[in-house]
Amino acid sequence: MKQASFEENIEQLENIVTELEKGELNLEDSMKKFETGITISKKCNKILDEAEKKITILLNQDGDVEEEDFKA
């Protein structure tokens, strides 16, 4: 099964937040949505962490462009 993209995960998270903000869910359903939201949030953080590791910084020194690995 295809893993959801960052954008798909964010969309799901936004939908959950909207549902929770409406206040129409009972406590049990609200807790389930909240737990699902936390899981999705962790997936998004993992995707961002992986992307951060791939980032390179282009430095322009004396007119030459050099590529350097991203350092957190």
C-alpha atoms as a PDB file:
ATOM      1  CA  MET A   1       0.000   0.000   0.000  1.00  0.00           C
ATOM      2  CA  LYS A   2       1.283   3.455  -0.980  1.00  0.00           C
ATOM      3  CA  GLN A   3       2.417   5.655   1.896  1.00  0.00           C
ATOM      4  CA  ALA A   4       0.542   8.967   2.090  1.00  0.00           C
ATOM      5  CA  SER A   5       2.476  12.050   1.034  1.00  0.00           C
ATOM      6  CA  PHE A   6       3.205  14.921   3.390  1.00  0.00           C
ATOM      7  CA  GLU A   7       0.445  16.974   1.768  1.00  0.00           C
ATOM      8  CA  GLU A   8      -2.079  14.133   2.102  1.00  0.00           C
ATOM      9  CA  ASN A   9      -1.172  13.732   5.766  1.00  0.00           C
ATOM     10  CA  ILE A  10      -1.547  17.465   6.402  1.00  0.00           C
ATOM     11  CA  GLU A  11      -4.955  17.430   4.705  1.00  0.00           C
ATOM     12  CA  GLN A  12      -6.071  14.537   6.921  1.00  0.00           C
ATOM     13  CA  LEU A  13      -4.781  16.373   9.978  1.00  0.00           C
ATOM     14  CA  GLU A  14      -6.665  19.542   8.985  1.00  0.00           C
ATOM     15  CA  ASN A  15      -9.867  17.520   8.567  1.00  0.00           C
ATOM     16  CA  ILE A  16      -9.450  16.007  12.023  1.00  0.00           C
ATOM     17  CA  VAL A  17      -8.866  19.433  13.574  1.00  0.00           C
ATOM     18  CA  THR A  18     -11.994  20.761  11.856  1.00  0.00           C
ATOM     19  CA  GLU A  19     -14.069  17.846  13.179  1.00  0.00           C
ATOM     20  CA  LEU A  20     -12.736  18.304  16.701  1.00  0.00           C
ATOM     21  CA  GLU A  21     -13.317  22.070  16.630  1.00  0.00           C
ATOM     22  CA  LYS A  22     -16.964  21.582  15.701  1.00  0.00           C
ATOM     23  CA  GLY A  23     -17.483  19.881  19.050  1.00  0.00           C
ATOM     24  CA  GLU A  24     -20.116  17.505  17.668  1.00  0.00           C
ATOM     25  CA  LEU A  25     -18.275  14.273  18.477  1.00  0.00           C
ATOM     26  CA  ASN A  26     -18.764  12.362  21.695  1.00  0.00           C
ATOM     27  CA  LEU A  27     -15.799  11.925  24.018  1.00  0.00           C
ATOM     28  CA  GLU A  28     -14.843   8.469  22.740  1.00  0.00           C
ATOM     29  CA  ASP A  29     -14.879   9.547  19.076  1.00  0.00           C
ATOM     30  CA  SER A  30     -13.001  12.741  19.962  1.00  0.00           C
ATOM     31  CA  MET A  31     -10.277  10.705  21.663  1.00  0.00           C
ATOM     32  CA  LYS A  32      -9.982   8.388  18.651  1.00  0.00           C
ATOM     33  CA  LYS A  33      -9.677  11.376  16.304  1.00  0.00           C
ATOM     34  CA  PHE A  34      -7.107  12.962  18.607  1.00  0.00           C
ATOM     35  CA  GLU A  35      -5.026   9.758  18.688  1.00  0.00           C
ATOM     36  CA  THR A  36      -5.214   9.502  14.910  1.00  0.00           C
ATOM     37  CA  GLY A  37      -4.128  13.135  14.659  1.00  0.00           C
ATOM     38  CA  ILE A  38      -1.117  12.500  16.887  1.00  0.00           C
ATOM     39  CA  THR A  39      -0.117   9.523  14.724  1.00  0.00           C
ATOM     40  CA  ILE A  40      -0.409  11.594  11.550  1.00  0.00           C
ATOM     41  CA  SER A  41       1.540  14.437  13.171  1.00  0.00           C
ATOM     42  CA  LYS A  42       4.386  12.033  13.973  1.00  0.00           C
ATOM     43  CA  LYS A  43       4.397  10.826  10.348  1.00  0.00           C
ATOM     44  CA  CYS A  44       4.627  14.436   9.153  1.00  0.00           C
ATOM     45  CA  ASN A  45       7.538  15.120  11.517  1.00  0.00           C
ATOM     46  CA  LYS A  46       9.325  12.013  10.229  1.00  0.00           C
ATOM     47  CA  ILE A  47       8.834  13.126   6.616  1.00  0.00           C
ATOM     48  CA  LEU A  48      10.171  16.605   7.466  1.00  0.00           C
ATOM     49  CA  ASP A  49      13.167  15.150   9.315  1.00  0.00           C
ATOM     50  CA  GLU A  50      14.020  12.989   6.311  1.00  0.00           C
ATOM     51  CA  ALA A  51      13.684  15.956   3.974  1.00  0.00           C
ATOM     52  CA  GLU A  52      15.891  18.077   6.210  1.00  0.00           C
ATOM     53  CA  LYS A  53      18.653  15.479   5.962  1.00  0.00           C
ATOM     54  CA  LYS A  54      18.556  15.754   2.172  1.00  0.00           C
ATOM     55  CA  ILE A  55      18.807  19.519   2.051  1.00  0.00           C
ATOM     56  CA  THR A  56      21.993  20.947   0.694  1.00  0.00           C
ATOM     57  CA  ILE A  57      23.196  24.468   1.041  1.00  0.00           C
ATOM     58  CA  LEU A  58      24.631  26.252  -1.938  1.00  0.00           C
ATOM     59  CA  LEU A  59      27.434  28.582  -1.003  1.00  0.00           C
ATOM     60  CA  ASN A  60      28.771  31.262  -3.280  1.00  0.00           C
ATOM     61  CA  GLN A  61      32.407  31.873  -2.469  1.00  0.00           C
ATOM     62  CA  ASP A  62      34.524  33.989  -4.822  1.00  0.00           C
ATOM     63  CA  GLY A  63      31.969  33.440  -7.576  1.00  0.00           C
ATOM     64  CA  ASP A  64      32.161  29.654  -7.296  1.00  0.00           C
ATOM     65  CA  VAL A  65      29.076  27.733  -6.240  1.00  0.00           C
ATOM     66  CA  GLU A  66      29.792  24.885  -3.872  1.00  0.00           C
ATOM     67  CA  GLU A  67      27.402  22.307  -2.499  1.00  0.00           C
ATOM     68  CA  GLU A  68      27.565  21.421   1.172  1.00  0.00           C
ATOM     69  CA  ASP A  69      25.506  18.980   3.224  1.00  0.00           C
ATOM     70  CA  PHE A  70      22.936  20.538   5.537  1.00  0.00           C
ATOM     71  CA  LYS A  71      24.059  20.693   9.155  1.00  0.00           C
ATOM     72  CA  ALA A  72      21.373  21.022  11.804  1.00  0.00           C
END
